[in-house]
N, C-alpha and C. Protein backbone atom coordinates (compact mmCIF):
# COMPACT_ATOMS: atom_id res chain seq x y z
N MET A 1 58.07 81.94 230.31
CA MET A 1 57.02 82.80 229.82
C MET A 1 57.43 83.33 228.44
N SER A 2 56.49 83.36 227.57
CA SER A 2 56.77 83.80 226.21
C SER A 2 56.80 85.32 226.12
N TYR A 3 57.74 85.81 225.34
CA TYR A 3 57.84 87.26 225.15
C TYR A 3 56.61 87.80 224.44
N GLN A 4 55.92 86.97 223.67
CA GLN A 4 54.73 87.42 222.96
C GLN A 4 53.59 87.78 223.92
N LYS A 5 53.59 87.18 225.09
CA LYS A 5 52.56 87.49 226.09
C LYS A 5 52.71 88.92 226.60
N PHE A 6 53.88 89.50 226.39
CA PHE A 6 54.13 90.87 226.81
C PHE A 6 53.90 91.86 225.67
N GLY A 7 53.43 91.36 224.53
CA GLY A 7 53.16 92.22 223.39
C GLY A 7 54.37 92.49 222.52
N ILE A 8 55.46 91.79 222.78
CA ILE A 8 56.68 91.97 221.99
C ILE A 8 56.49 91.23 220.67
N ARG A 9 56.66 91.95 219.58
CA ARG A 9 56.40 91.38 218.26
C ARG A 9 57.51 90.46 217.81
N PRO A 10 57.15 89.32 217.23
CA PRO A 10 58.15 88.36 216.73
C PRO A 10 59.07 88.94 215.67
N ASP A 11 58.57 89.88 214.84
CA ASP A 11 59.43 90.46 213.81
C ASP A 11 60.55 91.29 214.44
N LEU A 12 60.30 91.95 215.55
CA LEU A 12 61.34 92.69 216.27
C LEU A 12 62.39 91.72 216.80
N VAL A 13 61.94 90.63 217.40
CA VAL A 13 62.86 89.63 217.94
C VAL A 13 63.71 89.04 216.82
N GLU A 14 63.11 88.73 215.69
CA GLU A 14 63.86 88.16 214.56
C GLU A 14 64.89 89.14 214.01
N ARG A 15 64.52 90.43 213.92
CA ARG A 15 65.49 91.44 213.45
C ARG A 15 66.68 91.54 214.39
N VAL A 16 66.40 91.55 215.69
CA VAL A 16 67.46 91.66 216.69
C VAL A 16 68.35 90.42 216.64
N LYS A 17 67.75 89.24 216.53
CA LYS A 17 68.53 88.00 216.45
C LYS A 17 69.46 88.03 215.23
N LEU A 18 68.94 88.51 214.10
CA LEU A 18 69.75 88.60 212.89
C LEU A 18 70.91 89.58 213.08
N LYS A 19 70.63 90.72 213.66
CA LYS A 19 71.68 91.72 213.90
C LYS A 19 72.73 91.21 214.88
N MET A 20 72.30 90.41 215.86
CA MET A 20 73.24 89.88 216.85
C MET A 20 74.18 88.84 216.27
N LYS A 21 73.91 88.37 215.06
CA LYS A 21 74.83 87.44 214.39
C LYS A 21 76.06 88.16 213.86
N ASN A 22 75.99 89.49 213.77
CA ASN A 22 77.13 90.29 213.36
C ASN A 22 78.09 90.36 214.56
N PRO A 23 79.32 89.80 214.42
CA PRO A 23 80.23 89.74 215.56
C PRO A 23 80.59 91.10 216.16
N VAL A 24 80.65 92.13 215.34
CA VAL A 24 81.00 93.46 215.86
C VAL A 24 79.87 93.98 216.75
N LEU A 25 78.63 93.88 216.27
CA LEU A 25 77.49 94.35 217.06
C LEU A 25 77.32 93.51 218.32
N LYS A 26 77.51 92.20 218.19
CA LYS A 26 77.38 91.32 219.34
C LYS A 26 78.38 91.70 220.42
N GLU A 27 79.60 91.98 220.03
CA GLU A 27 80.64 92.35 221.00
C GLU A 27 80.31 93.69 221.67
N ARG A 28 79.78 94.65 220.91
CA ARG A 28 79.41 95.94 221.48
C ARG A 28 78.28 95.79 222.51
N VAL A 29 77.30 94.93 222.19
CA VAL A 29 76.20 94.69 223.14
C VAL A 29 76.74 93.99 224.38
N LYS A 30 77.62 93.00 224.19
CA LYS A 30 78.21 92.30 225.34
C LYS A 30 78.96 93.27 226.24
N LEU A 31 79.70 94.21 225.65
CA LEU A 31 80.43 95.20 226.45
C LEU A 31 79.46 96.10 227.22
N ALA A 32 78.34 96.46 226.59
CA ALA A 32 77.35 97.31 227.25
C ALA A 32 76.71 96.59 228.44
N LEU A 33 76.62 95.26 228.35
CA LEU A 33 75.99 94.48 229.41
C LEU A 33 76.99 93.92 230.42
N HIS A 34 78.27 94.14 230.18
CA HIS A 34 79.32 93.61 231.06
C HIS A 34 79.14 94.14 232.48
N GLY A 35 79.17 93.25 233.43
CA GLY A 35 79.09 93.64 234.83
C GLY A 35 77.67 93.77 235.37
N VAL A 36 76.67 93.51 234.54
CA VAL A 36 75.29 93.60 234.99
C VAL A 36 74.99 92.41 235.92
N ASN A 37 74.33 92.69 237.02
CA ASN A 37 74.00 91.61 237.95
C ASN A 37 72.48 91.49 238.11
N LYS A 38 72.04 90.52 238.91
CA LYS A 38 70.61 90.27 239.04
C LYS A 38 69.87 91.44 239.66
N TYR A 39 70.54 92.22 240.48
CA TYR A 39 69.90 93.38 241.09
C TYR A 39 69.68 94.48 240.06
N ASP A 40 70.65 94.65 239.16
CA ASP A 40 70.48 95.62 238.08
C ASP A 40 69.29 95.25 237.20
N LEU A 41 69.10 93.94 236.99
CA LEU A 41 68.03 93.47 236.12
C LEU A 41 66.66 93.44 236.82
N GLN A 42 66.60 93.89 238.06
CA GLN A 42 65.33 94.07 238.75
C GLN A 42 65.06 95.54 239.05
N ASP A 43 65.91 96.42 238.54
CA ASP A 43 65.75 97.86 238.69
C ASP A 43 65.19 98.42 237.38
N ARG A 44 63.94 98.90 237.40
CA ARG A 44 63.26 99.35 236.19
C ARG A 44 64.07 100.40 235.42
N ALA A 45 64.64 101.35 236.11
CA ALA A 45 65.39 102.42 235.44
C ALA A 45 66.64 101.88 234.76
N LYS A 46 67.35 100.98 235.42
CA LYS A 46 68.56 100.41 234.83
C LYS A 46 68.23 99.52 233.64
N VAL A 47 67.16 98.75 233.75
CA VAL A 47 66.76 97.87 232.64
C VAL A 47 66.38 98.72 231.44
N ARG A 48 65.63 99.77 231.67
CA ARG A 48 65.22 100.65 230.57
C ARG A 48 66.45 101.27 229.88
N LYS A 49 67.44 101.68 230.69
CA LYS A 49 68.66 102.26 230.13
C LYS A 49 69.42 101.21 229.31
N LEU A 50 69.51 99.98 229.81
CA LEU A 50 70.18 98.91 229.07
C LEU A 50 69.47 98.62 227.75
N ILE A 51 68.15 98.65 227.77
CA ILE A 51 67.38 98.42 226.55
C ILE A 51 67.64 99.53 225.54
N ARG A 52 67.64 100.76 226.01
CA ARG A 52 67.90 101.90 225.10
C ARG A 52 69.31 101.83 224.53
N THR A 53 70.28 101.50 225.37
CA THR A 53 71.66 101.39 224.91
C THR A 53 71.81 100.29 223.87
N SER A 54 71.23 99.14 224.15
CA SER A 54 71.31 98.01 223.21
C SER A 54 70.60 98.33 221.91
N ALA A 55 69.45 98.98 221.99
CA ALA A 55 68.71 99.36 220.78
C ALA A 55 69.52 100.33 219.94
N ALA A 56 70.20 101.26 220.58
CA ALA A 56 71.03 102.22 219.84
C ALA A 56 72.19 101.51 219.14
N ILE A 57 72.83 100.57 219.82
CA ILE A 57 73.93 99.82 219.23
C ILE A 57 73.44 99.06 217.99
N LEU A 58 72.23 98.48 218.09
CA LEU A 58 71.68 97.68 217.00
C LEU A 58 70.90 98.52 215.98
N ASN A 59 70.87 99.83 216.20
CA ASN A 59 70.17 100.75 215.32
C ASN A 59 68.69 100.37 215.18
N GLU A 60 68.08 100.04 216.31
CA GLU A 60 66.65 99.73 216.37
C GLU A 60 65.93 100.91 217.00
N LYS A 61 64.95 101.42 216.31
CA LYS A 61 64.14 102.52 216.83
C LYS A 61 62.96 101.91 217.60
N LEU A 62 62.95 102.09 218.90
CA LEU A 62 61.89 101.54 219.74
C LEU A 62 60.94 102.65 220.18
N THR A 63 59.65 102.35 220.19
CA THR A 63 58.68 103.29 220.71
C THR A 63 58.67 103.18 222.23
N GLU A 64 58.01 104.13 222.88
CA GLU A 64 57.87 104.07 224.34
C GLU A 64 57.15 102.79 224.76
N VAL A 65 56.14 102.41 223.99
CA VAL A 65 55.38 101.19 224.31
C VAL A 65 56.29 99.97 224.21
N GLN A 66 57.09 99.89 223.15
CA GLN A 66 58.00 98.76 222.98
C GLN A 66 59.02 98.71 224.13
N GLU A 67 59.56 99.87 224.50
CA GLU A 67 60.51 99.92 225.62
C GLU A 67 59.86 99.41 226.90
N GLU A 68 58.61 99.82 227.14
CA GLU A 68 57.91 99.39 228.34
C GLU A 68 57.63 97.89 228.30
N GLN A 69 57.27 97.36 227.13
CA GLN A 69 57.02 95.92 227.00
C GLN A 69 58.29 95.13 227.27
N LEU A 70 59.40 95.58 226.70
CA LEU A 70 60.68 94.89 226.91
C LEU A 70 61.11 94.98 228.38
N THR A 71 60.93 96.14 228.99
CA THR A 71 61.28 96.31 230.39
C THR A 71 60.46 95.37 231.27
N ALA A 72 59.15 95.33 231.03
CA ALA A 72 58.28 94.44 231.81
C ALA A 72 58.69 92.98 231.63
N PHE A 73 59.06 92.61 230.42
CA PHE A 73 59.49 91.23 230.15
C PHE A 73 60.74 90.89 230.95
N VAL A 74 61.75 91.77 230.88
CA VAL A 74 63.01 91.51 231.58
C VAL A 74 62.78 91.43 233.08
N LEU A 75 62.01 92.35 233.62
CA LEU A 75 61.75 92.35 235.06
C LEU A 75 61.02 91.07 235.49
N SER A 76 60.09 90.61 234.69
CA SER A 76 59.30 89.43 235.06
C SER A 76 60.12 88.14 235.03
N GLN A 77 61.21 88.13 234.26
CA GLN A 77 62.02 86.93 234.14
C GLN A 77 62.90 86.68 235.36
N LYS A 78 63.14 87.72 236.16
CA LYS A 78 63.99 87.60 237.36
C LYS A 78 65.32 86.92 237.01
N ILE A 79 65.97 87.47 236.01
CA ILE A 79 67.20 86.90 235.45
C ILE A 79 68.38 87.10 236.40
N ASP A 80 69.13 86.04 236.61
CA ASP A 80 70.40 86.11 237.32
C ASP A 80 71.48 85.75 236.29
N PRO A 81 72.24 86.74 235.80
CA PRO A 81 73.23 86.46 234.76
C PRO A 81 74.35 85.51 235.21
N SER A 82 74.48 85.29 236.50
CA SER A 82 75.52 84.37 236.97
C SER A 82 74.99 82.94 237.07
N SER A 83 73.71 82.75 236.79
CA SER A 83 73.09 81.42 236.86
C SER A 83 73.04 80.79 235.47
N THR A 84 73.72 79.70 235.30
CA THR A 84 73.73 79.00 234.02
C THR A 84 72.33 78.55 233.63
N ILE A 85 71.55 78.13 234.59
CA ILE A 85 70.19 77.68 234.31
C ILE A 85 69.34 78.82 233.75
N HIS A 86 69.46 80.00 234.31
CA HIS A 86 68.71 81.16 233.79
C HIS A 86 69.13 81.47 232.36
N LEU A 87 70.43 81.42 232.11
CA LEU A 87 70.92 81.74 230.77
C LEU A 87 70.48 80.70 229.75
N ILE A 88 70.47 79.45 230.13
CA ILE A 88 70.01 78.38 229.22
C ILE A 88 68.52 78.57 228.92
N LYS A 89 67.75 78.92 229.94
CA LYS A 89 66.32 79.16 229.75
C LYS A 89 66.08 80.28 228.75
N LEU A 90 66.82 81.36 228.90
CA LEU A 90 66.68 82.50 227.97
C LEU A 90 67.14 82.12 226.56
N TRP A 91 68.23 81.40 226.47
CA TRP A 91 68.74 80.97 225.18
C TRP A 91 67.69 80.15 224.45
N GLY A 92 67.06 79.22 225.19
CA GLY A 92 66.03 78.38 224.61
C GLY A 92 64.82 79.16 224.15
N MET A 93 64.52 80.25 224.83
CA MET A 93 63.37 81.06 224.48
C MET A 93 63.59 81.82 223.16
N PHE A 94 64.83 82.15 222.85
CA PHE A 94 65.12 83.01 221.70
C PHE A 94 65.90 82.34 220.58
N ARG A 95 66.14 81.04 220.66
CA ARG A 95 66.94 80.41 219.62
C ARG A 95 66.16 80.17 218.36
């Protein structure tokens, strides 16, 4: 499913992708997400907190609407971070 169907703007995705190329920021985001499992990624409150934490690390100011769009997107993907297939699917969506 495309992130655009959730109202997530392509310019936001491009800015985040560019910022994630910075090794320091990428490592900080990876540390923030360390230990996250598929159950965490199906809990609305935890997903919202992860989004806020990641946005703060990347110095992205998100509106409430943007946070809700991103949360809905993550929840709908039913991501299992231990599944290589899920990770490849996500990588393909954002490359």
